[in-house]
Structure formats: C-alpha cells, structure tokens
C-alpha cells in the first residue's frame, strides 16, 4: 500500500534538497580554494548536470497533482547527492552534516495492511450475508416487473 504524499511533504523534500545542494556547492568552492579539487576536474561536468537537475526540481513548485513523482525525484536527487558528498569527504574536503531525510518516503509502505483474502464468514456474519443477498435478489426481481 503506497503512502499518501502531500504538497507539504514535497515542500519538506525541497528544503532538504536545497540544503544539500547549498552544502555541496560551498564544499566544492572550499575544496577548489584549498587545492584539493581542480576547477577543471572531470567530475565537474557530471556535477553540473546533477546541479541543473536539482535546480530544475526545486523550480517545480509542489502541487497536489504530482506529489508522488516530485517526492520520488527528490529522493533520487538526495541519493545522488550522497555520492557527491562521499567523493568530497574522500578528497579531504569539509562538508556540513547531511540534511535529515524527509519522514515520509513515497516508495515505502506504511500503516496497517488489509489481508489479501477475507476471513471466512461464521455465525451471525454468515446469516447477515445471506439476508443481504436475499434482499438484493428480491429487489432486482421487483425491478424487472
């Protein structure tokens, strides 16, 4: 059973993506200034593509129409950001703590699950079921007249 995602959840995801993007940008600038990363590093083109994708996501205003898709895209960006974060740490760059994950991921089931098959009816429930079926049949026959 999928989780119901609201525009408020997407707003929180946007905030996390923005915070992470700002932290990555600041760390990259600091790494370049310290000489730990070159401005023309081959990874910079991939990071620019990632950054453009993140900025496009942030420009897409949260709405109730496509909240699930927006949440999934935000989660994907955060996973990719972790890869860049890990690369920067491996280079010895200083980067602030990662933002907290949004508490309502769109791809995780939560809440009680209904059984796949209804339990067999017993006793009064079975009698009630047959009474309802009988009533429906009588009403259907009356409509045919």
N, C-alpha and C. Protein backbone atom coordinates (compact mmCIF):
# COMPACT_ATOMS: atom_id res chain seq x y z
N UNK A 1 0.85 -1.17 0.00
CA UNK A 1 0.00 0.00 0.00
C UNK A 1 0.90 1.23 0.00
N UNK A 2 0.78 2.10 -1.01
CA UNK A 2 1.63 3.28 -1.07
C UNK A 2 1.25 4.31 -0.02
N UNK A 3 2.18 5.15 0.30
CA UNK A 3 1.97 6.22 1.26
C UNK A 3 1.34 7.40 0.55
N UNK A 4 0.45 8.08 1.23
CA UNK A 4 -0.18 9.28 0.69
C UNK A 4 0.80 10.43 0.88
N UNK A 5 1.22 11.05 -0.21
CA UNK A 5 2.19 12.15 -0.17
C UNK A 5 1.45 13.45 -0.46
N UNK A 6 1.70 14.45 0.37
CA UNK A 6 1.04 15.75 0.20
C UNK A 6 2.04 16.78 -0.31
N UNK A 7 1.54 17.91 -0.71
CA UNK A 7 2.40 19.01 -1.14
C UNK A 7 3.32 19.45 0.00
N UNK A 8 2.85 19.35 1.23
CA UNK A 8 3.67 19.71 2.40
C UNK A 8 4.89 18.79 2.49
N UNK A 9 4.70 17.50 2.20
CA UNK A 9 5.82 16.56 2.20
C UNK A 9 6.85 16.96 1.14
N UNK A 10 6.37 17.38 -0.02
CA UNK A 10 7.26 17.78 -1.11
C UNK A 10 7.99 19.07 -0.73
N UNK A 11 7.32 19.97 -0.05
CA UNK A 11 7.96 21.21 0.42
C UNK A 11 9.12 20.85 1.34
N UNK A 12 8.91 19.89 2.24
CA UNK A 12 9.98 19.44 3.13
C UNK A 12 11.12 18.81 2.33
N UNK A 13 10.78 18.03 1.31
CA UNK A 13 11.80 17.41 0.46
C UNK A 13 12.58 18.48 -0.29
N UNK A 14 11.88 19.50 -0.78
CA UNK A 14 12.54 20.63 -1.45
C UNK A 14 13.56 21.28 -0.52
N UNK A 15 13.16 21.49 0.72
CA UNK A 15 14.06 22.13 1.69
C UNK A 15 15.31 21.28 1.90
N UNK A 16 15.14 19.96 1.97
CA UNK A 16 16.28 19.07 2.17
C UNK A 16 17.21 19.11 0.95
N UNK A 17 16.62 19.09 -0.25
CA UNK A 17 17.43 19.14 -1.48
C UNK A 17 18.18 20.47 -1.55
N UNK A 18 17.50 21.58 -1.25
CA UNK A 18 18.14 22.90 -1.30
C UNK A 18 19.28 22.97 -0.31
N UNK A 19 19.06 22.48 0.89
CA UNK A 19 20.10 22.49 1.93
C UNK A 19 21.31 21.67 1.49
N UNK A 20 21.05 20.50 0.93
CA UNK A 20 22.15 19.63 0.49
C UNK A 20 22.90 20.25 -0.69
N UNK A 21 22.17 20.84 -1.63
CA UNK A 21 22.81 21.48 -2.78
C UNK A 21 23.69 22.64 -2.34
N UNK A 22 23.19 23.45 -1.41
CA UNK A 22 23.98 24.57 -0.88
C UNK A 22 25.24 24.07 -0.19
N UNK A 23 25.11 22.98 0.59
CA UNK A 23 26.27 22.42 1.29
C UNK A 23 27.30 21.88 0.31
N UNK A 24 26.84 21.19 -0.74
CA UNK A 24 27.75 20.66 -1.75
C UNK A 24 28.47 21.79 -2.49
N UNK A 25 27.71 22.82 -2.88
CA UNK A 25 28.31 23.96 -3.59
C UNK A 25 29.39 24.63 -2.74
N UNK A 26 29.08 24.86 -1.47
CA UNK A 26 30.04 25.51 -0.58
C UNK A 26 31.28 24.64 -0.38
N UNK A 27 31.09 23.34 -0.23
CA UNK A 27 32.22 22.43 -0.03
C UNK A 27 33.10 22.37 -1.28
N UNK A 28 32.47 22.36 -2.45
CA UNK A 28 33.24 22.32 -3.70
C UNK A 28 34.06 23.59 -3.85
N UNK A 29 33.46 24.74 -3.60
CA UNK A 29 34.21 26.00 -3.68
C UNK A 29 35.38 26.01 -2.71
N UNK A 30 35.14 25.52 -1.50
CA UNK A 30 36.19 25.47 -0.48
C UNK A 30 37.30 24.51 -0.91
N UNK A 31 36.93 23.37 -1.47
CA UNK A 31 37.91 22.37 -1.93
C UNK A 31 38.77 22.93 -3.06
N UNK A 32 38.16 23.66 -3.97
CA UNK A 32 38.91 24.26 -5.07
C UNK A 32 39.87 25.31 -4.51
N UNK A 33 39.39 26.11 -3.57
CA UNK A 33 40.23 27.15 -2.96
C UNK A 33 41.42 26.55 -2.22
N UNK A 34 41.21 25.39 -1.60
CA UNK A 34 42.28 24.72 -0.85
C UNK A 34 43.18 23.87 -1.75
N UNK A 35 42.83 23.75 -3.04
CA UNK A 35 43.63 22.96 -3.97
C UNK A 35 43.38 21.47 -3.90
N UNK A 36 42.37 21.04 -3.18
CA UNK A 36 42.05 19.61 -3.09
C UNK A 36 41.25 19.13 -4.29
N UNK A 37 40.72 20.07 -5.03
CA UNK A 37 39.90 19.75 -6.20
C UNK A 37 40.19 20.81 -7.26
N UNK A 38 40.40 20.36 -8.47
CA UNK A 38 40.67 21.31 -9.55
C UNK A 38 39.37 21.74 -10.19
N UNK A 39 39.33 22.99 -10.61
CA UNK A 39 38.12 23.53 -11.24
C UNK A 39 37.77 22.78 -12.51
N UNK A 40 38.78 22.24 -13.20
CA UNK A 40 38.53 21.52 -14.44
C UNK A 40 38.51 19.99 -14.24
N UNK A 41 38.26 19.57 -13.01
CA UNK A 41 38.17 18.14 -12.69
C UNK A 41 37.12 17.48 -13.59
N UNK A 42 37.39 16.29 -14.12
CA UNK A 42 36.43 15.62 -15.00
C UNK A 42 35.06 15.40 -14.34
N UNK A 43 35.03 15.33 -13.03
CA UNK A 43 33.76 15.13 -12.33
C UNK A 43 32.89 16.38 -12.32
N UNK A 44 33.49 17.53 -12.64
CA UNK A 44 32.73 18.78 -12.55
C UNK A 44 31.59 18.82 -13.57
N UNK A 45 31.79 18.23 -14.74
CA UNK A 45 30.72 18.21 -15.75
C UNK A 45 29.52 17.39 -15.25
N UNK A 46 29.83 16.25 -14.64
CA UNK A 46 28.75 15.42 -14.09
C UNK A 46 28.04 16.15 -12.94
N UNK A 47 28.83 16.84 -12.11
CA UNK A 47 28.22 17.59 -11.01
C UNK A 47 27.33 18.71 -11.54
N UNK A 48 27.77 19.39 -12.59
CA UNK A 48 26.95 20.47 -13.17
C UNK A 48 25.63 19.92 -13.70
N UNK A 49 25.67 18.74 -14.31
CA UNK A 49 24.42 18.11 -14.78
C UNK A 49 23.53 17.77 -13.59
N UNK A 50 24.13 17.25 -12.52
CA UNK A 50 23.37 16.94 -11.30
C UNK A 50 22.78 18.22 -10.71
N UNK A 51 23.60 19.27 -10.66
CA UNK A 51 23.15 20.56 -10.09
C UNK A 51 21.98 21.12 -10.90
N UNK A 52 22.07 21.04 -12.23
CA UNK A 52 20.98 21.52 -13.09
C UNK A 52 19.71 20.73 -12.82
N UNK A 53 19.85 19.41 -12.67
CA UNK A 53 18.69 18.57 -12.36
C UNK A 53 18.07 18.97 -11.01
N UNK A 54 18.91 19.21 -10.02
CA UNK A 54 18.41 19.60 -8.70
C UNK A 54 17.72 20.96 -8.76
N UNK A 55 18.30 21.91 -9.49
CA UNK A 55 17.68 23.24 -9.61
C UNK A 55 16.36 23.17 -10.37
N UNK A 56 16.28 22.31 -11.37
CA UNK A 56 15.03 22.10 -12.10
C UNK A 56 13.97 21.54 -11.16
N UNK A 57 14.37 20.59 -10.33
CA UNK A 57 13.45 20.02 -9.34
C UNK A 57 12.96 21.10 -8.37
N UNK A 58 13.87 21.93 -7.92
CA UNK A 58 13.49 22.98 -6.97
C UNK A 58 12.58 24.03 -7.62
N UNK A 59 12.72 24.23 -8.92
CA UNK A 59 11.86 25.20 -9.63
C UNK A 59 10.45 24.66 -9.85
N UNK A 60 10.28 23.35 -9.76
CA UNK A 60 8.97 22.72 -9.93
C UNK A 60 8.20 22.86 -8.63
N UNK A 61 7.26 23.80 -8.60
CA UNK A 61 6.51 24.08 -7.38
C UNK A 61 5.72 22.85 -6.91
N UNK A 62 5.75 22.57 -5.61
CA UNK A 62 4.96 21.45 -5.09
C UNK A 62 3.47 21.66 -5.38
N UNK A 63 2.84 20.60 -5.83
CA UNK A 63 1.40 20.67 -6.09
C UNK A 63 0.78 19.35 -5.69
N UNK A 64 -0.51 19.36 -5.51
CA UNK A 64 -1.21 18.13 -5.13
C UNK A 64 -1.42 17.19 -6.31
N UNK A 65 -1.12 17.65 -7.51
CA UNK A 65 -1.35 16.83 -8.70
C UNK A 65 -0.30 15.74 -8.87
N UNK A 66 0.97 16.08 -8.67
CA UNK A 66 2.05 15.10 -8.92
C UNK A 66 3.01 14.98 -7.73
N UNK A 67 2.48 14.97 -6.53
CA UNK A 67 3.32 14.94 -5.34
C UNK A 67 4.18 13.68 -5.27
N UNK A 68 3.63 12.55 -5.64
CA UNK A 68 4.38 11.31 -5.55
C UNK A 68 5.60 11.34 -6.48
N UNK A 69 5.39 11.80 -7.71
CA UNK A 69 6.51 11.90 -8.65
C UNK A 69 7.55 12.90 -8.16
N UNK A 70 7.09 14.02 -7.59
CA UNK A 70 8.02 15.01 -7.07
C UNK A 70 8.82 14.44 -5.90
N UNK A 71 8.15 13.68 -5.04
CA UNK A 71 8.83 13.09 -3.90
C UNK A 71 9.88 12.08 -4.36
N UNK A 72 9.52 11.24 -5.33
CA UNK A 72 10.46 10.25 -5.84
C UNK A 72 11.67 10.92 -6.48
N UNK A 73 11.46 11.99 -7.23
CA UNK A 73 12.57 12.71 -7.86
C UNK A 73 13.46 13.32 -6.78
N UNK A 74 12.86 13.89 -5.76
CA UNK A 74 13.64 14.46 -4.66
C UNK A 74 14.48 13.40 -3.95
N UNK A 75 13.91 12.23 -3.75
CA UNK A 75 14.66 11.14 -3.12
C UNK A 75 15.82 10.70 -4.01
N UNK A 76 15.59 10.65 -5.30
CA UNK A 76 16.64 10.27 -6.24
C UNK A 76 17.79 11.29 -6.21
N UNK A 77 17.44 12.55 -6.17
CA UNK A 77 18.46 13.61 -6.09
C UNK A 77 19.26 13.48 -4.80
N UNK A 78 18.58 13.20 -3.70
CA UNK A 78 19.28 13.06 -2.42
C UNK A 78 20.22 11.86 -2.43
N UNK A 79 19.83 10.77 -3.09
CA UNK A 79 20.72 9.60 -3.20
C UNK A 79 21.96 9.98 -4.01
N UNK A 80 21.75 10.68 -5.13
CA UNK A 80 22.88 11.10 -5.95
C UNK A 80 23.78 12.10 -5.20
N UNK A 81 23.16 12.97 -4.42
CA UNK A 81 23.93 13.95 -3.64
C UNK A 81 24.85 13.24 -2.65
N UNK A 82 24.38 12.15 -2.10
CA UNK A 82 25.21 11.39 -1.16
C UNK A 82 26.49 10.91 -1.84
N UNK A 83 26.38 10.51 -3.10
CA UNK A 83 27.57 10.10 -3.84
C UNK A 83 28.58 11.23 -3.97
N UNK A 84 28.10 12.42 -4.28
CA UNK A 84 29.00 13.58 -4.37
C UNK A 84 29.57 13.93 -3.00
N UNK A 85 28.74 13.83 -1.98
CA UNK A 85 29.19 14.09 -0.61
C UNK A 85 30.33 13.12 -0.25
N UNK A 86 30.13 11.84 -0.56
CA UNK A 86 31.15 10.83 -0.24
C UNK A 86 32.46 11.11 -0.98
N UNK A 87 32.37 11.54 -2.24
CA UNK A 87 33.57 11.86 -3.03
C UNK A 87 34.32 13.04 -2.41
N UNK A 88 33.58 14.04 -1.97
CA UNK A 88 34.22 15.22 -1.36
C UNK A 88 34.92 14.85 -0.05
N UNK A 89 34.27 14.02 0.75
CA UNK A 89 34.87 13.59 2.01
C UNK A 89 36.14 12.78 1.72
N UNK A 90 36.09 11.93 0.69
CA UNK A 90 37.26 11.13 0.32
C UNK A 90 38.43 12.01 -0.10
N UNK A 91 38.15 13.17 -0.68
CA UNK A 91 39.21 14.11 -1.08
C UNK A 91 39.74 14.92 0.10
N UNK A 92 39.09 14.78 1.26
CA UNK A 92 39.51 15.53 2.44
C UNK A 92 38.82 16.88 2.56
N UNK A 93 37.76 17.07 1.80
CA UNK A 93 37.02 18.33 1.86
C UNK A 93 36.09 18.31 3.07
N UNK A 94 35.86 19.48 3.62
CA UNK A 94 34.97 19.61 4.77
C UNK A 94 33.58 19.96 4.25
N UNK A 95 32.60 19.19 4.69
CA UNK A 95 31.21 19.45 4.31
C UNK A 95 30.35 19.25 5.54
N UNK A 96 29.35 20.11 5.68
CA UNK A 96 28.47 20.03 6.83
C UNK A 96 27.66 18.75 6.85
N UNK A 97 26.93 18.54 7.93
CA UNK A 97 26.12 17.33 8.03
C UNK A 97 25.02 17.30 6.97
N UNK A 98 24.68 16.11 6.55
CA UNK A 98 23.60 15.94 5.57
C UNK A 98 22.28 16.33 6.21
N UNK A 99 21.36 16.89 5.42
CA UNK A 99 20.05 17.22 5.98
C UNK A 99 19.29 15.95 6.36
N UNK A 100 18.39 16.10 7.29
CA UNK A 100 17.59 14.95 7.71
C UNK A 100 16.69 14.51 6.56
N UNK A 101 16.53 13.21 6.46
CA UNK A 101 15.64 12.66 5.43
C UNK A 101 14.20 13.05 5.74
N UNK A 102 13.43 13.24 4.71
CA UNK A 102 12.02 13.54 4.88
C UNK A 102 11.37 12.28 5.44
N UNK A 103 10.51 12.46 6.43
CA UNK A 103 9.98 11.32 7.18
C UNK A 103 8.97 10.47 6.42
N UNK A 104 8.57 10.89 5.24
CA UNK A 104 7.51 10.19 4.55
C UNK A 104 7.94 9.81 3.13
N UNK A 105 8.80 8.82 2.98
CA UNK A 105 9.21 8.46 1.63
C UNK A 105 8.05 7.89 0.83
N UNK A 106 8.02 8.22 -0.44
CA UNK A 106 6.90 7.81 -1.29
C UNK A 106 6.98 6.35 -1.69
N UNK A 107 8.13 5.73 -1.58
CA UNK A 107 8.26 4.37 -2.07
C UNK A 107 8.27 3.34 -0.96
N UNK A 108 7.83 3.71 0.25
CA UNK A 108 7.81 2.78 1.36
C UNK A 108 6.39 2.62 1.84
N UNK A 109 5.99 1.39 2.06
CA UNK A 109 4.66 1.13 2.59
C UNK A 109 4.64 1.44 4.08
N UNK A 110 3.52 1.92 4.54
CA UNK A 110 3.38 2.16 5.97
C UNK A 110 1.93 1.98 6.34
N UNK A 111 1.70 1.78 7.62
CA UNK A 111 0.34 1.61 8.09
C UNK A 111 -0.11 0.17 8.04
N UNK A 112 -1.29 -0.08 8.59
CA UNK A 112 -1.79 -1.46 8.62
C UNK A 112 -2.11 -1.97 7.22
N UNK A 113 -1.93 -3.25 7.05
CA UNK A 113 -2.21 -3.88 5.77
C UNK A 113 -3.49 -4.70 5.89
N UNK A 114 -4.31 -4.62 4.87
CA UNK A 114 -5.50 -5.44 4.83
C UNK A 114 -5.12 -6.84 4.37
N UNK A 115 -5.80 -7.85 4.87
CA UNK A 115 -5.48 -9.20 4.41
C UNK A 115 -5.81 -9.34 2.92
N UNK A 116 -5.06 -10.18 2.23
CA UNK A 116 -5.31 -10.41 0.81
C UNK A 116 -6.64 -11.10 0.57
N UNK A 117 -7.04 -11.98 1.49
CA UNK A 117 -8.29 -12.72 1.37
C UNK A 117 -9.10 -12.48 2.63
N UNK A 118 -10.37 -12.23 2.44
CA UNK A 118 -11.23 -12.01 3.60
C UNK A 118 -11.35 -13.32 4.39
N UNK A 119 -11.38 -13.22 5.71
CA UNK A 119 -11.54 -14.44 6.51
C UNK A 119 -12.93 -15.03 6.25
N UNK A 120 -13.08 -16.33 6.40
CA UNK A 120 -14.39 -16.95 6.15
C UNK A 120 -15.43 -16.42 7.14
N UNK A 121 -16.62 -16.23 6.63
CA UNK A 121 -17.71 -15.75 7.48
C UNK A 121 -18.23 -16.90 8.34
N UNK A 122 -18.55 -16.56 9.58
CA UNK A 122 -19.06 -17.57 10.50
C UNK A 122 -20.23 -16.99 11.28
N UNK A 123 -21.09 -17.84 11.73
CA UNK A 123 -22.18 -17.48 12.63
C UNK A 123 -23.07 -16.37 12.09
N UNK A 124 -23.24 -15.31 12.89
CA UNK A 124 -24.16 -14.22 12.58
C UNK A 124 -23.74 -13.49 11.30
N UNK A 125 -22.46 -13.39 11.05
CA UNK A 125 -21.99 -12.72 9.84
C UNK A 125 -22.46 -13.45 8.59
N UNK A 126 -22.45 -14.79 8.66
CA UNK A 126 -22.87 -15.59 7.51
C UNK A 126 -24.38 -15.43 7.29
N UNK A 127 -25.13 -15.42 8.36
CA UNK A 127 -26.58 -15.24 8.26
C UNK A 127 -26.89 -13.86 7.67
N UNK A 128 -26.19 -12.84 8.16
CA UNK A 128 -26.41 -11.48 7.67
C UNK A 128 -26.08 -11.38 6.19
N UNK A 129 -25.00 -12.04 5.76
CA UNK A 129 -24.62 -12.02 4.36
C UNK A 129 -25.74 -12.60 3.50
N UNK A 130 -26.32 -13.73 3.92
CA UNK A 130 -27.39 -14.37 3.14
C UNK A 130 -28.66 -13.52 3.14
N UNK A 131 -28.91 -12.82 4.24
CA UNK A 131 -30.06 -11.92 4.27
C UNK A 131 -29.88 -10.76 3.29
N UNK A 132 -28.69 -10.21 3.23
CA UNK A 132 -28.41 -9.12 2.30
C UNK A 132 -28.52 -9.62 0.87
N UNK A 133 -27.95 -10.78 0.59
CA UNK A 133 -28.04 -11.34 -0.76
C UNK A 133 -29.50 -11.56 -1.14
N UNK A 134 -30.29 -12.12 -0.22
CA UNK A 134 -31.71 -12.35 -0.49
C UNK A 134 -32.44 -11.05 -0.76
N UNK A 135 -32.14 -10.02 0.01
CA UNK A 135 -32.78 -8.72 -0.17
C UNK A 135 -32.45 -8.15 -1.56
N UNK A 136 -31.18 -8.24 -1.96
CA UNK A 136 -30.76 -7.73 -3.25
C UNK A 136 -31.46 -8.48 -4.37
N UNK A 137 -31.59 -9.78 -4.25
CA UNK A 137 -32.25 -10.59 -5.28
C UNK A 137 -33.72 -10.21 -5.38
N UNK A 138 -34.39 -10.05 -4.23
CA UNK A 138 -35.81 -9.67 -4.24
C UNK A 138 -35.99 -8.32 -4.90
N UNK A 139 -35.13 -7.35 -4.57
CA UNK A 139 -35.25 -6.01 -5.15
C UNK A 139 -34.97 -6.05 -6.65
N UNK A 140 -34.02 -6.88 -7.07
CA UNK A 140 -33.72 -7.00 -8.51
C UNK A 140 -34.91 -7.58 -9.26
N UNK A 141 -35.57 -8.58 -8.65
CA UNK A 141 -36.74 -9.18 -9.29
C UNK A 141 -37.91 -8.19 -9.37
N UNK A 142 -38.04 -7.34 -8.35
CA UNK A 142 -39.09 -6.34 -8.36
C UNK A 142 -38.84 -5.32 -9.48
N UNK A 143 -37.61 -4.98 -9.73
CA UNK A 143 -37.28 -4.01 -10.78
C UNK A 143 -37.56 -4.58 -12.16
N UNK A 144 -37.45 -5.87 -12.32
CA UNK A 144 -37.68 -6.50 -13.62
C UNK A 144 -39.17 -6.50 -14.00
N UNK A 145 -40.06 -6.37 -13.05
CA UNK A 145 -41.51 -6.43 -13.32
C UNK A 145 -42.00 -5.22 -14.00
